[in-house]
Amino acid sequence: MSAIHLALGGIRSGKSAYAETLAAELAQGRPVIYLATGVATDPEMAERIRRHRERRPDQWRTVATPLNPVRALREMENAPENGAVLLLDSLDGWVSNLLLEHEGTPAAELEARTVGAVRRFAAFVRELDSDAVIVSGEVGQSPVAASPLGRQFQDLLGTVNQAMAAASDAVTLVVAGIPVRLKPC
């Protein structure tokens, strides 16, 4: 039976490292598919992506999917077999990409579209009978953004995180590298 694990945390909290460790523990010989949502829009982001790549085991398969992880999984050559462990890093990257892709879309429509995509991803994971580890930034403890686009992102990610937490079997908040279980599996 599949399980969805959500790992939340602030920037540099250790959430990705925690998620990678959890995915490796869950895999136990099964394949791991790393769903990468990051886009190298500038040198600093390219460096972040490089560091994440270097940490991953060579046998993990990486699929770049900035906008639609379900489509990417369905269309990939040698599609994932049931039981593969999926690691999505990160939900906040995916939400940011969707926000920029659909900039100017009314907020309610964008929220419905984005929450729907997240729910479809969770349903697809269950269909595959796969375990999934999803990484996301926690926006609830940060100051309100100074720009309208920043506030829209924070509001959208907060709503998406709530939807993913509801769909998840386990939720862990990573603070200063220490995982704190919020919702046990």
Foldseek 3Di string as FASTA:
>chain_A
DAFEEEEEEAPPLCSLVVLLVVLVVQQPPAAEEEEEQQDCPDPVSVVVVVVSVVPHDPRHHYFYDNEAPVVSQVPDDVRGAQAYEYEYPALLSNLVSLCVVPPPPPLVVSLVVSLVRLVVVLVVNVVSNYYYYYYDYQLPPDDQDPDPSSNSSSVSRNSSVVSVVVSGQWYWYRGNNDTDTDHHD
